[in-house]
Amino acid sequence: MRNKNLYIFSVILLIIGLCCGCRTNLHVKEEKFIDYNAGVEILSDEEAIKLVKEIIAFMDTGIETGEDVEGFDGERFAYFKNKEDENKLEIYQRNYIKDTAYKYLTGMYKIVRFRSGMGKAKNEFSGGYIRYRLDSAGNFNILSKKDKEICIEAVFNKDSSLGDGMPDTDKGQIFITLCDDNKWRISKISQWYDDLVFYELEEYIDEFFDSKNNVKEDYEAFIKEYGYDKNGNKIPMQMLRYSPKAAILSSSSFDVLEHLYDSYVLDILSKLATYIACEEIYARHGKIYPKYSIEYNYFNGLDWYKENQKFSEDDLSDIEKHNLDIIKAHLEELAVLMYWSV
């Protein structure tokens, strides 16, 4: 009887030990993901930087990919090698990154869902408009802290698609925000070139800013001139296009704007679009622009534009001169001098 009781006691101890071991293993497994949002209203500098570095390093270098497969239109693509990486990315997305920033980050690292799983594109297939990428091994410093927002300075590395006039490395900002559900999330990523994405230009950026031939100072002048409203807020600069893109105000060459629908279009144009609408009247007569200027980049992408070495404003008709006065009046209303803060 004694031996039987001893046996039962040993079995109970073994079961308890196994249960504790399972709990320990589960605990260790959960510790892979640091819970930065466990009722935390104040995130320390160290925790904020650790969160950002952990996510960036995982997206940049932590995800293993398998053999290449054929992606969209013959592009090279590779699935995540480990299914656990998909789960980890999902946890980061759900708990620590807002949707807009997640789309931006996955574009930066060319991560995309393809057919049966997540993977990485091996070339410019995904996120081709993001020309600088965060340096996961670079320095991360706290620039500012408010009650519900932390701004971290980070290093960005130039993509090979950019020209020699761009700096090889540059600094930008990562913002972490305390959301309504009391969770800290990466809410925005901003860098001087990638910032064009937030102006809704995205893949159209080279229509105005030639990344192979312009330099950083050209970009800063471009944003200072066209990127803000009179209150200093960033404004969309995407052009209003017809299909195919032929003109901002297509009727400005043959009838007075007050008689046409284009007069209503003019009222809603951004400063950039208004300026281009003004210049397209000259461009129709072949006005020549400085090489790699925003006018040069834009009009040389249009089939109808042909440089005219003998261009003169005397070539303009009375209707075109009248419409120029109307458009320039709108432009003057938008011409508020703003500063560019680096």
Protein backbone atom coordinates (compact mmCIF):
# COMPACT_ATOMS: atom_id res chain seq x y z
CA MET A 1 0.00 0.00 0.00
CA ARG A 2 2.86 2.28 0.88
CA ASN A 3 4.53 1.65 -2.48
CA LYS A 4 1.23 2.34 -4.24
CA ASN A 5 0.83 5.68 -2.42
CA LEU A 6 4.41 6.58 -3.23
CA TYR A 7 3.78 5.78 -6.90
CA ILE A 8 0.63 7.93 -6.98
CA PHE A 9 2.49 10.79 -5.26
CA SER A 10 5.31 10.53 -7.81
CA VAL A 11 2.86 10.65 -10.70
CA ILE A 12 1.18 13.75 -9.23
CA LEU A 13 4.58 15.46 -8.84
CA LEU A 14 5.45 14.56 -12.44
CA ILE A 15 2.17 16.03 -13.71
CA ILE A 16 2.70 19.23 -11.69
CA GLY A 17 6.27 19.46 -13.03
CA LEU A 18 5.10 19.05 -16.60
CA CYS A 19 2.43 21.70 -16.13
CA CYS A 20 4.94 24.14 -14.68
CA GLY A 21 7.31 23.35 -17.52
CA CYS A 22 4.60 24.04 -20.09
CA ARG A 23 3.76 27.32 -18.43
CA THR A 24 7.43 28.25 -18.36
CA ASN A 25 7.78 27.45 -22.04
CA LEU A 26 4.68 29.43 -22.89
CA HIS A 27 6.00 32.33 -20.87
CA VAL A 28 9.32 32.19 -22.69
CA LYS A 29 7.51 32.07 -26.03
CA GLU A 30 5.42 35.11 -25.13
CA GLU A 31 8.52 37.02 -24.09
CA LYS A 32 9.58 37.16 -27.75
CA PHE A 33 7.13 40.04 -28.05
CA ILE A 34 7.73 42.73 -25.47
CA ASP A 35 4.37 44.12 -24.39
CA TYR A 36 4.96 47.85 -24.57
CA ASN A 37 1.25 48.44 -24.15
CA ALA A 38 0.48 46.75 -20.84
CA GLY A 39 -1.51 49.66 -19.47
CA VAL A 40 1.41 52.01 -20.04
CA GLU A 41 0.50 55.68 -20.41
CA ILE A 42 4.08 56.89 -20.29
CA LEU A 43 6.64 55.25 -22.55
CA SER A 44 10.24 55.86 -21.51
CA ASP A 45 12.86 57.02 -24.00
CA GLU A 46 14.57 53.65 -23.83
CA GLU A 47 11.34 51.70 -24.39
CA ALA A 48 10.31 53.91 -27.32
CA ILE A 49 13.65 53.46 -29.09
CA LYS A 50 13.71 49.73 -28.29
CA LEU A 51 10.24 49.28 -29.81
CA VAL A 52 11.17 51.10 -33.02
CA LYS A 53 14.53 49.34 -33.41
CA GLU A 54 12.95 45.94 -32.80
CA ILE A 55 10.33 46.42 -35.51
CA ILE A 56 12.70 48.00 -38.04
CA ALA A 57 15.39 45.34 -37.52
CA PHE A 58 12.81 42.58 -37.96
CA MET A 59 11.44 44.00 -41.21
CA ASP A 60 14.89 44.88 -42.52
CA THR A 61 17.08 41.91 -41.62
CA GLY A 62 15.12 39.59 -39.31
CA ILE A 63 12.80 37.97 -41.83
CA GLU A 64 14.24 34.94 -43.59
CA THR A 65 13.04 34.25 -47.12
CA GLY A 66 13.05 31.00 -49.05
CA GLU A 67 13.72 30.29 -52.70
CA ASP A 68 12.68 32.83 -55.31
CA VAL A 69 9.37 32.31 -57.06
CA GLU A 70 7.79 34.14 -59.97
CA GLY A 71 5.75 37.08 -58.74
CA PHE A 72 3.56 39.54 -60.58
CA ASP A 73 4.48 40.07 -64.25
CA GLY A 74 7.57 37.89 -63.91
CA GLU A 75 9.03 39.84 -60.98
CA ARG A 76 11.30 38.00 -58.57
CA PHE A 77 9.67 37.24 -55.24
CA ALA A 78 10.35 35.05 -52.18
CA TYR A 79 7.97 33.87 -49.47
CA PHE A 80 8.81 34.14 -45.78
CA LYS A 81 10.75 30.99 -44.91
CA ASN A 82 9.19 30.68 -41.46
CA LYS A 83 5.44 30.88 -40.82
CA GLU A 84 6.23 32.37 -37.41
CA ASP A 85 7.52 35.50 -39.15
CA GLU A 86 4.05 36.12 -40.59
CA ASN A 87 2.58 35.82 -37.10
CA LYS A 88 5.17 38.19 -35.67
CA LEU A 89 4.52 40.75 -38.41
CA GLU A 90 0.80 40.50 -37.68
CA ILE A 91 1.41 41.14 -33.97
CA TYR A 92 3.52 44.19 -34.77
CA GLN A 93 0.88 45.47 -37.18
CA ARG A 94 -2.01 44.96 -34.77
CA ASN A 95 -0.37 46.24 -31.61
CA TYR A 96 2.38 48.67 -32.56
CA ILE A 97 1.89 50.23 -36.02
CA LYS A 98 -0.97 52.35 -37.38
CA ASP A 99 -2.35 51.32 -40.77
CA THR A 100 -0.80 54.19 -42.76
CA ALA A 101 2.64 53.68 -41.22
CA TYR A 102 2.36 49.91 -41.72
CA LYS A 103 1.65 50.37 -45.42
CA TYR A 104 4.61 52.74 -45.63
CA LEU A 105 6.99 50.40 -43.79
CA THR A 106 6.03 47.31 -45.77
CA GLY A 107 6.47 49.36 -48.94
CA MET A 108 9.89 50.45 -47.71
CA TYR A 109 11.00 46.84 -47.21
CA LYS A 110 9.04 45.47 -50.21
CA ILE A 111 6.90 43.18 -48.05
CA VAL A 112 3.64 42.10 -49.62
CA ARG A 113 1.03 39.34 -49.43
CA PHE A 114 1.25 37.20 -52.56
CA ARG A 115 -1.04 34.24 -53.22
CA SER A 116 -0.65 31.92 -50.22
CA GLY A 117 1.51 33.96 -47.88
CA MET A 118 3.70 36.93 -47.05
CA GLY A 119 6.95 37.53 -48.85
CA LYS A 120 9.46 40.07 -50.12
CA ALA A 121 9.93 41.36 -53.62
CA LYS A 122 13.51 41.16 -54.81
CA ASN A 123 13.53 44.36 -56.86
CA GLU A 124 11.50 47.56 -57.28
CA PHE A 125 8.18 45.71 -57.58
CA SER A 126 6.79 46.90 -54.24
CA GLY A 127 7.22 50.35 -52.76
CA GLY A 128 9.27 51.65 -55.68
CA TYR A 129 8.47 55.25 -54.78
CA ILE A 130 10.21 54.99 -51.40
CA ARG A 131 13.78 55.96 -52.21
CA TYR A 132 15.37 56.00 -48.73
CA ARG A 133 15.18 53.15 -46.23
CA LEU A 134 15.58 53.20 -42.46
CA ASP A 135 18.97 52.04 -41.21
CA SER A 136 18.15 49.42 -38.57
CA ALA A 137 21.73 49.60 -37.26
CA GLY A 138 21.84 53.42 -37.19
CA ASN A 139 21.44 55.78 -34.26
CA PHE A 140 17.96 56.46 -32.87
CA ASN A 141 17.55 59.56 -30.69
CA ILE A 142 14.56 61.18 -28.99
CA LEU A 143 13.89 64.59 -30.57
CA SER A 144 10.78 65.54 -28.60
CA LYS A 145 8.13 64.15 -26.24
CA LYS A 146 4.59 65.37 -25.70
CA ASP A 147 1.80 63.83 -23.65
CA LYS A 148 0.69 61.53 -26.46
CA GLU A 149 3.49 61.71 -29.05
CA ILE A 150 7.17 60.80 -29.17
CA CYS A 151 9.39 61.92 -32.05
CA ILE A 152 12.50 59.80 -32.72
CA GLU A 153 15.30 60.84 -35.04
CA ALA A 154 16.60 58.04 -37.26
CA VAL A 155 19.12 57.46 -40.05
CA PHE A 156 17.95 56.69 -43.61
CA ASN A 157 20.09 55.11 -46.34
CA LYS A 158 19.77 56.04 -50.02
CA ASP A 159 18.31 53.48 -52.39
CA SER A 160 20.35 52.59 -55.49
CA SER A 161 17.60 54.03 -57.71
CA LEU A 162 18.57 57.60 -56.77
CA GLY A 163 21.15 59.71 -58.57
CA ASP A 164 24.54 60.84 -57.30
CA GLY A 165 23.21 64.26 -56.28
CA MET A 166 21.38 62.75 -53.31
CA PRO A 167 23.10 62.26 -49.93
CA ASP A 168 24.00 58.63 -49.18
CA THR A 169 22.53 58.93 -45.70
CA ASP A 170 20.11 61.42 -44.24
CA LYS A 171 18.13 61.87 -41.05
CA GLY A 172 14.38 61.66 -40.68
CA GLN A 173 11.75 61.19 -37.99
CA ILE A 174 9.61 58.36 -36.62
CA PHE A 175 6.54 59.36 -34.59
CA ILE A 176 4.98 57.14 -31.91
CA THR A 177 1.48 58.11 -30.77
CA LEU A 178 -0.65 57.01 -27.81
CA CYS A 179 -3.89 55.95 -29.50
CA ASP A 180 -7.47 56.00 -28.20
CA ASP A 181 -7.25 52.36 -27.09
CA ASN A 182 -4.28 53.29 -24.87
CA LYS A 183 -1.71 51.62 -27.12
CA TRP A 184 1.49 53.21 -28.36
CA ARG A 185 1.89 52.83 -32.12
CA ILE A 186 4.22 54.07 -34.85
CA SER A 187 1.97 56.62 -36.54
CA LYS A 188 4.16 58.38 -39.12
CA ILE A 189 7.57 58.19 -40.76
CA SER A 190 8.96 61.31 -42.38
CA GLN A 191 12.13 61.95 -44.33
CA TRP A 192 12.90 64.81 -46.70
CA TYR A 193 12.49 62.79 -49.92
CA ASP A 194 9.99 60.17 -48.82
CA ASP A 195 7.88 63.05 -47.51
CA LEU A 196 6.64 63.53 -51.06
CA VAL A 197 4.47 60.46 -50.51
CA PHE A 198 2.47 62.44 -47.98
CA TYR A 199 1.86 65.11 -50.61
CA GLU A 200 0.07 62.44 -52.70
CA LEU A 201 2.67 62.55 -55.47
CA GLU A 202 3.98 59.02 -54.85
CA GLU A 203 5.04 57.44 -58.16
CA TYR A 204 4.50 60.78 -59.93
CA ILE A 205 7.32 62.53 -58.07
CA ASP A 206 9.73 62.43 -61.01
CA GLU A 207 7.26 64.43 -63.08
CA PHE A 208 8.44 67.43 -61.06
CA PHE A 209 11.55 66.34 -59.20
CA ASP A 210 14.08 64.36 -61.22
CA SER A 211 15.75 62.01 -58.74
CA LYS A 212 18.64 61.32 -61.12
CA ASN A 213 19.57 64.94 -61.74
CA ASN A 214 18.20 67.18 -58.99
CA VAL A 215 19.70 67.58 -55.51
CA LYS A 216 18.30 67.93 -52.01
CA GLU A 217 18.28 71.74 -52.20
CA ASP A 218 16.02 71.57 -55.27
CA TYR A 219 13.54 69.52 -53.29
CA GLU A 220 13.59 71.92 -50.34
CA ALA A 221 12.94 74.88 -52.63
CA PHE A 222 10.12 72.95 -54.33
CA ILE A 223 8.38 72.17 -51.01
CA LYS A 224 8.89 75.68 -49.65
CA GLU A 225 7.30 77.17 -52.75
CA TYR A 226 4.42 74.76 -53.32
CA GLY A 227 3.97 72.48 -50.33
CA TYR A 228 2.10 74.59 -47.75
CA ASP A 229 -1.07 76.58 -47.42
CA LYS A 230 -1.21 80.03 -45.82
CA ASN A 231 -1.51 78.44 -42.36
CA GLY A 232 1.62 76.34 -42.79
CA ASN A 233 -0.24 73.05 -43.31
CA LYS A 234 0.94 70.50 -45.86
CA ILE A 235 -1.28 70.45 -48.92
CA PRO A 236 -1.87 67.80 -51.63
CA MET A 237 0.07 68.58 -54.80
CA GLN A 238 -1.31 65.84 -57.01
CA MET A 239 -2.26 67.19 -60.43
CA LEU A 240 -5.79 67.07 -61.79
CA ARG A 241 -5.47 64.89 -64.86
CA TYR A 242 -7.62 64.01 -67.78
CA SER A 243 -7.09 60.75 -69.64
CA PRO A 244 -4.65 60.78 -71.26
CA LYS A 245 -2.95 63.49 -69.23
CA ALA A 246 -2.84 66.35 -71.66
CA ALA A 247 -3.57 69.53 -69.74
CA ILE A 248 -4.65 70.98 -66.42
CA LEU A 249 -6.96 73.50 -68.11
CA SER A 250 -7.44 72.08 -71.59
CA SER A 251 -9.63 74.95 -72.89
CA SER A 252 -7.38 77.81 -71.82
CA SER A 253 -5.94 78.12 -75.34
CA PHE A 254 -9.17 78.63 -77.28
CA ASP A 255 -11.87 80.23 -75.08
CA VAL A 256 -12.09 82.55 -72.07
CA LEU A 257 -12.14 80.66 -68.78
CA GLU A 258 -15.23 82.47 -67.48
CA HIS A 259 -17.34 80.82 -70.19
CA LEU A 260 -16.19 77.26 -69.48
CA TYR A 261 -16.21 74.48 -66.88
CA ASP A 262 -12.45 75.01 -66.46
CA SER A 263 -13.21 78.15 -64.43
CA TYR A 264 -14.66 75.89 -61.72
CA VAL A 265 -11.66 73.57 -61.94
CA LEU A 266 -9.37 76.55 -61.39
CA ASP A 267 -11.02 77.32 -58.06
CA ILE A 268 -9.98 73.98 -56.56
CA LEU A 269 -6.43 73.67 -57.87
CA SER A 270 -3.45 73.62 -55.54
CA LYS A 271 -0.75 76.23 -55.94
CA LEU A 272 1.42 73.79 -57.87
CA ALA A 273 -1.39 72.81 -60.24
CA THR A 274 -2.32 76.49 -60.74
CA TYR A 275 1.27 77.33 -61.61
CA ILE A 276 1.46 74.45 -64.12
CA ALA A 277 -1.88 75.56 -65.61
CA CYS A 278 -0.35 78.99 -66.13
CA GLU A 279 2.85 77.65 -67.69
CA GLU A 280 1.06 75.23 -70.01
CA ILE A 281 -0.26 78.23 -71.98
CA TYR A 282 3.35 79.19 -72.68
CA ALA A 283 4.41 75.56 -73.15
CA ARG A 284 1.90 75.08 -75.97
CA HIS A 285 4.00 77.58 -77.91
CA GLY A 286 7.25 75.81 -77.06
CA LYS A 287 8.61 77.92 -74.20
CA ILE A 288 12.02 76.52 -73.19
CA TYR A 289 12.64 75.75 -69.51
CA PRO A 290 15.89 75.24 -67.57
CA LYS A 291 17.04 71.65 -67.67
CA TYR A 292 15.71 69.52 -64.77
CA SER A 293 13.48 72.31 -63.46
CA ILE A 294 9.97 71.21 -62.42
CA GLU A 295 8.60 72.75 -65.65
CA TYR A 296 11.20 70.93 -67.75
CA ASN A 297 10.50 67.60 -66.02
CA TYR A 298 6.74 67.98 -66.36
CA PHE A 299 6.30 69.26 -69.90
CA ASN A 300 8.94 67.02 -71.42
CA GLY A 301 6.76 64.11 -70.32
CA LEU A 302 3.88 65.28 -72.51
CA ASP A 303 3.58 64.17 -76.12
CA TRP A 304 2.43 67.53 -77.40
CA TYR A 305 5.28 69.60 -75.96
CA LYS A 306 7.99 70.69 -78.42
CA GLU A 307 10.69 73.22 -77.62
CA ASN A 308 10.61 76.34 -79.80
CA GLN A 309 13.92 78.19 -80.08
CA LYS A 310 12.05 81.24 -81.43
CA PHE A 311 9.43 81.32 -78.65
CA SER A 312 8.03 84.78 -77.87
CA GLU A 313 5.14 85.90 -75.67
CA ASP A 314 3.96 87.81 -78.73
CA ASP A 315 2.90 84.42 -80.10
CA LEU A 316 0.08 84.26 -77.54
CA SER A 317 -3.45 85.06 -78.66
CA ASP A 318 -5.64 87.65 -76.95
CA ILE A 319 -7.68 84.81 -75.39
CA GLU A 320 -4.55 83.20 -73.98
CA LYS A 321 -3.33 86.52 -72.56
CA HIS A 322 -6.74 87.06 -70.95
CA ASN A 323 -6.69 83.57 -69.42
CA LEU A 324 -3.17 84.11 -68.15
CA ASP A 325 -4.36 87.17 -66.24
CA ILE A 326 -7.16 85.12 -64.66
CA ILE A 327 -4.87 82.25 -63.69
CA LYS A 328 -2.15 84.56 -62.35
CA ALA A 329 -4.72 86.31 -60.17
CA HIS A 330 -5.52 82.93 -58.58
CA LEU A 331 -1.82 82.23 -58.22
CA GLU A 332 -1.24 85.48 -56.36
CA GLU A 333 -3.91 84.52 -53.84
CA LEU A 334 -1.99 81.32 -53.15
CA ALA A 335 1.46 82.92 -53.14
CA VAL A 336 2.07 83.11 -49.41
CA LEU A 337 5.72 82.87 -48.42
CA MET A 338 6.26 79.93 -46.09
CA TYR A 339 9.39 78.58 -44.43
CA TRP A 340 10.82 75.11 -44.73
CA SER A 341 11.84 73.49 -41.47
CA VAL A 342 14.45 70.78 -41.66
